């Protein structure tokens, strides 16, 4: 008997009572790519908010930014784990997406454009992510 929520493959043990859904039905139909994109946006945004709290603010504003950053990072973990893929399958696509989103957030939050080494290294990250995600060994 596998999980009844349709996210994890049947190979995982069923610790739940029959008929209990752990993930709301409305979240089950969301494509994995959308969940990964949401996770990467939440992670990069959460990291940026925490960085702003650490280096640009003090007092209650710093505390509020830390709480907001923590909430964004919690959302990242939730959306990443909602993706109906095994963790090994998600890594390549996630890392490639994360690199792109991180550069966008870096520009929006800190007005910083990527340098040539970042662009070249990022191209390798994206290529590696594509290989991990789409190369199916025979």
C-alpha atoms as a PDB file:
ATOM      1  CA  UNK A   1       0.000   0.000   0.000  1.00  0.00           C
ATOM      2  CA  UNK A   2       1.575   3.316  -1.073  1.00  0.00           C
ATOM      3  CA  UNK A   3       0.959   6.885  -0.079  1.00  0.00           C
ATOM      4  CA  UNK A   4      -2.488   8.111  -0.977  1.00  0.00           C
ATOM      5  CA  UNK A   5      -1.528  11.667  -1.835  1.00  0.00           C
ATOM      6  CA  UNK A   6       0.037  10.864  -5.205  1.00  0.00           C
ATOM      7  CA  UNK A   7       3.348  12.663  -4.655  1.00  0.00           C
ATOM      8  CA  UNK A   8       5.817  10.017  -3.479  1.00  0.00           C
ATOM      9  CA  UNK A   9       6.370   6.808  -5.454  1.00  0.00           C
ATOM     10  CA  UNK A  10       4.938   3.571  -4.059  1.00  0.00           C
ATOM     11  CA  UNK A  11       8.445   2.440  -3.011  1.00  0.00           C
ATOM     12  CA  UNK A  12       8.177   4.638   0.074  1.00  0.00           C
ATOM     13  CA  UNK A  13       6.632   2.952   3.131  1.00  0.00           C
ATOM     14  CA  UNK A  14       3.105   3.960   4.064  1.00  0.00           C
ATOM     15  CA  UNK A  15       3.105   5.368   7.593  1.00  0.00           C
ATOM     16  CA  UNK A  16      -0.357   6.849   7.194  1.00  0.00           C
ATOM     17  CA  UNK A  17      -3.798   5.449   7.673  1.00  0.00           C
ATOM     18  CA  UNK A  18      -5.564   4.390   4.466  1.00  0.00           C
ATOM     19  CA  UNK A  19      -7.463   7.212   2.821  1.00  0.00           C
ATOM     20  CA  UNK A  20      -5.616  10.055   4.566  1.00  0.00           C
ATOM     21  CA  UNK A  21      -4.328  12.738   2.213  1.00  0.00           C
ATOM     22  CA  UNK A  22      -1.226  14.609   3.322  1.00  0.00           C
ATOM     23  CA  UNK A  23      -1.113  17.065   0.411  1.00  0.00           C
ATOM     24  CA  UNK A  24      -4.247  19.011  -0.566  1.00  0.00           C
ATOM     25  CA  UNK A  25      -5.736  17.874  -3.874  1.00  0.00           C
ATOM     26  CA  UNK A  26      -5.348  21.391  -5.313  1.00  0.00           C
ATOM     27  CA  UNK A  27      -1.546  21.120  -5.014  1.00  0.00           C
ATOM     28  CA  UNK A  28      -1.317  17.662  -6.576  1.00  0.00           C
ATOM     29  CA  UNK A  29      -1.988  18.820 -10.146  1.00  0.00           C
ATOM     30  CA  UNK A  30       0.706  21.513 -10.241  1.00  0.00           C
ATOM     31  CA  UNK A  31       3.465  20.613 -12.742  1.00  0.00           C
ATOM     32  CA  UNK A  32       6.877  19.850 -11.250  1.00  0.00           C
ATOM     33  CA  UNK A  33       8.511  22.690 -13.205  1.00  0.00           C
ATOM     34  CA  UNK A  34       6.147  25.233 -11.616  1.00  0.00           C
ATOM     35  CA  UNK A  35       6.893  23.872  -8.135  1.00  0.00           C
ATOM     36  CA  UNK A  36      10.642  24.029  -8.805  1.00  0.00           C
ATOM     37  CA  UNK A  37      10.409  27.565 -10.150  1.00  0.00           C
ATOM     38  CA  UNK A  38       8.437  28.648  -7.075  1.00  0.00           C
ATOM     39  CA  UNK A  39      11.011  26.958  -4.824  1.00  0.00           C
ATOM     40  CA  UNK A  40      13.928  28.694  -6.514  1.00  0.00           C
ATOM     41  CA  UNK A  41      12.252  32.101  -6.357  1.00  0.00           C
ATOM     42  CA  UNK A  42      11.480  31.609  -2.667  1.00  0.00           C
ATOM     43  CA  UNK A  43      15.014  30.421  -1.875  1.00  0.00           C
ATOM     44  CA  UNK A  44      16.819  33.225  -3.712  1.00  0.00           C
ATOM     45  CA  UNK A  45      14.422  35.831  -2.288  1.00  0.00           C
ATOM     46  CA  UNK A  46      14.757  34.444   1.235  1.00  0.00           C
ATOM     47  CA  UNK A  47      18.543  34.505   0.995  1.00  0.00           C
ATOM     48  CA  UNK A  48      18.464  38.098  -0.272  1.00  0.00           C
ATOM     49  CA  UNK A  49      16.153  39.201   2.556  1.00  0.00           C
ATOM     50  CA  UNK A  50      18.373  37.552   5.183  1.00  0.00           C
ATOM     51  CA  UNK A  51      21.449  39.217   3.634  1.00  0.00           C
ATOM     52  CA  UNK A  52      19.703  42.606   3.767  1.00  0.00           C
ATOM     53  CA  UNK A  53      18.796  41.993   7.405  1.00  0.00           C
ATOM     54  CA  UNK A  54      22.368  41.083   8.325  1.00  0.00           C
ATOM     55  CA  UNK A  55      24.183  43.897   6.563  1.00  0.00           C
ATOM     56  CA  UNK A  56      21.762  46.801   6.041  1.00  0.00           C
ATOM     57  CA  UNK A  57      19.446  47.020   9.055  1.00  0.00           C
ATOM     58  CA  UNK A  58      19.334  46.987  12.857  1.00  0.00           C
ATOM     59  CA  UNK A  59      16.748  46.576  15.595  1.00  0.00           C
ATOM     60  CA  UNK A  60      13.156  45.661  14.851  1.00  0.00           C
ATOM     61  CA  UNK A  61      13.592  46.061  11.097  1.00  0.00           C
ATOM     62  CA  UNK A  62      16.416  43.506  11.171  1.00  0.00           C
ATOM     63  CA  UNK A  63      14.287  41.153  13.258  1.00  0.00           C
ATOM     64  CA  UNK A  64      11.316  41.541  10.892  1.00  0.00           C
ATOM     65  CA  UNK A  65      13.502  40.865   7.863  1.00  0.00           C
ATOM     66  CA  UNK A  66      14.935  37.748   9.525  1.00  0.00           C
ATOM     67  CA  UNK A  67      11.392  36.463  10.165  1.00  0.00           C
ATOM     68  CA  UNK A  68      10.380  37.268   6.575  1.00  0.00           C
ATOM     69  CA  UNK A  69      13.498  35.570   5.198  1.00  0.00           C
ATOM     70  CA  UNK A  70      12.859  32.506   7.347  1.00  0.00           C
ATOM     71  CA  UNK A  71       9.270  32.313   6.056  1.00  0.00           C
ATOM     72  CA  UNK A  72      10.492  32.518   2.446  1.00  0.00           C
ATOM     73  CA  UNK A  73      13.075  29.791   3.069  1.00  0.00           C
ATOM     74  CA  UNK A  74      10.428  27.609   4.710  1.00  0.00           C
ATOM     75  CA  UNK A  75       8.290  28.082   1.598  1.00  0.00           C
ATOM     76  CA  UNK A  76      11.259  27.065  -0.551  1.00  0.00           C
ATOM     77  CA  UNK A  77      11.649  23.787   1.316  1.00  0.00           C
ATOM     78  CA  UNK A  78       7.950  23.100   1.104  1.00  0.00           C
ATOM     79  CA  UNK A  79       7.628  23.736  -2.639  1.00  0.00           C
ATOM     80  CA  UNK A  80      10.812  21.817  -3.458  1.00  0.00           C
ATOM     81  CA  UNK A  81       9.535  18.770  -1.614  1.00  0.00           C
ATOM     82  CA  UNK A  82       6.082  18.994  -3.203  1.00  0.00           C
ATOM     83  CA  UNK A  83       7.612  18.329  -6.634  1.00  0.00           C
ATOM     84  CA  UNK A  84       6.495  14.808  -7.637  1.00  0.00           C
ATOM     85  CA  UNK A  85      10.050  13.706  -8.440  1.00  0.00           C
ATOM     86  CA  UNK A  86      12.658  11.815  -6.508  1.00  0.00           C
ATOM     87  CA  UNK A  87      15.336  14.096  -5.087  1.00  0.00           C
ATOM     88  CA  UNK A  88      18.031  12.798  -7.455  1.00  0.00           C
ATOM     89  CA  UNK A  89      15.875  13.657 -10.479  1.00  0.00           C
ATOM     90  CA  UNK A  90      15.164  17.176  -9.316  1.00  0.00           C
ATOM     91  CA  UNK A  91      18.756  18.252  -8.620  1.00  0.00           C
ATOM     92  CA  UNK A  92      19.879  19.115 -12.162  1.00  0.00           C
ATOM     93  CA  UNK A  93      16.841  21.135 -13.145  1.00  0.00           C
ATOM     94  CA  UNK A  94      16.733  22.781  -9.729  1.00  0.00           C
ATOM     95  CA  UNK A  95      20.363  23.919  -9.804  1.00  0.00           C
ATOM     96  CA  UNK A  96      20.088  25.326 -13.322  1.00  0.00           C
ATOM     97  CA  UNK A  97      16.887  27.167 -12.426  1.00  0.00           C
ATOM     98  CA  UNK A  98      18.389  28.370  -9.157  1.00  0.00           C
ATOM     99  CA  UNK A  99      21.369  29.918 -10.934  1.00  0.00           C
ATOM    100  CA  UNK A 100      19.145  31.918 -13.296  1.00  0.00           C
ATOM    101  CA  UNK A 101      16.715  33.036 -10.584  1.00  0.00           C
ATOM    102  CA  UNK A 102      19.597  33.953  -8.283  1.00  0.00           C
ATOM    103  CA  UNK A 103      21.036  36.272 -10.919  1.00  0.00           C
ATOM    104  CA  UNK A 104      17.657  37.961 -11.420  1.00  0.00           C
ATOM    105  CA  UNK A 105      17.159  38.411  -7.659  1.00  0.00           C
ATOM    106  CA  UNK A 106      20.752  39.651  -7.325  1.00  0.00           C
ATOM    107  CA  UNK A 107      20.064  42.333  -9.909  1.00  0.00           C
ATOM    108  CA  UNK A 108      16.652  43.316  -8.506  1.00  0.00           C
ATOM    109  CA  UNK A 109      17.687  43.369  -4.829  1.00  0.00           C
ATOM    110  CA  UNK A 110      21.303  44.536  -5.076  1.00  0.00           C
ATOM    111  CA  UNK A 111      21.559  46.154  -8.544  1.00  0.00           C
ATOM    112  CA  UNK A 112      24.490  43.887  -9.386  1.00  0.00           C
ATOM    113  CA  UNK A 113      25.054  42.446 -12.863  1.00  0.00           C
ATOM    114  CA  UNK A 114      26.898  39.117 -13.210  1.00  0.00           C
ATOM    115  CA  UNK A 115      30.551  39.305 -14.188  1.00  0.00           C
ATOM    116  CA  UNK A 116      32.007  37.327 -17.101  1.00  0.00           C
ATOM    117  CA  UNK A 117      33.246  34.498 -14.826  1.00  0.00           C
ATOM    118  CA  UNK A 118      29.744  34.205 -13.342  1.00  0.00           C
ATOM    119  CA  UNK A 119      28.173  34.086 -16.823  1.00  0.00           C
ATOM    120  CA  UNK A 120      30.639  31.435 -18.042  1.00  0.00           C
ATOM    121  CA  UNK A 121      30.352  29.390 -14.853  1.00  0.00           C
ATOM    122  CA  UNK A 122      26.576  29.756 -14.978  1.00  0.00           C
ATOM    123  CA  UNK A 123      26.518  28.434 -18.535  1.00  0.00           C
ATOM    124  CA  UNK A 124      28.351  25.356 -17.247  1.00  0.00           C
ATOM    125  CA  UNK A 125      25.881  25.033 -14.361  1.00  0.00           C
ATOM    126  CA  UNK A 126      22.950  25.208 -16.811  1.00  0.00           C
ATOM    127  CA  UNK A 127      24.613  22.695 -19.162  1.00  0.00           C
ATOM    128  CA  UNK A 128      25.306  20.367 -16.228  1.00  0.00           C
ATOM    129  CA  UNK A 129      21.736  20.703 -15.023  1.00  0.00           C
ATOM    130  CA  UNK A 130      20.456  19.800 -18.482  1.00  0.00           C
ATOM    131  CA  UNK A 131      22.723  16.748 -18.595  1.00  0.00           C
ATOM    132  CA  UNK A 132      21.600  15.560 -15.154  1.00  0.00           C
ATOM    133  CA  UNK A 133      17.932  16.124 -15.952  1.00  0.00           C
ATOM    134  CA  UNK A 134      17.595  14.957 -19.538  1.00  0.00           C
ATOM    135  CA  UNK A 135      20.359  12.394 -20.190  1.00  0.00           C
ATOM    136  CA  UNK A 136      18.756   8.980 -19.854  1.00  0.00           C
ATOM    137  CA  UNK A 137      21.404   6.232 -19.640  1.00  0.00           C
ATOM    138  CA  UNK A 138      20.662   3.210 -21.775  1.00  0.00           C
END
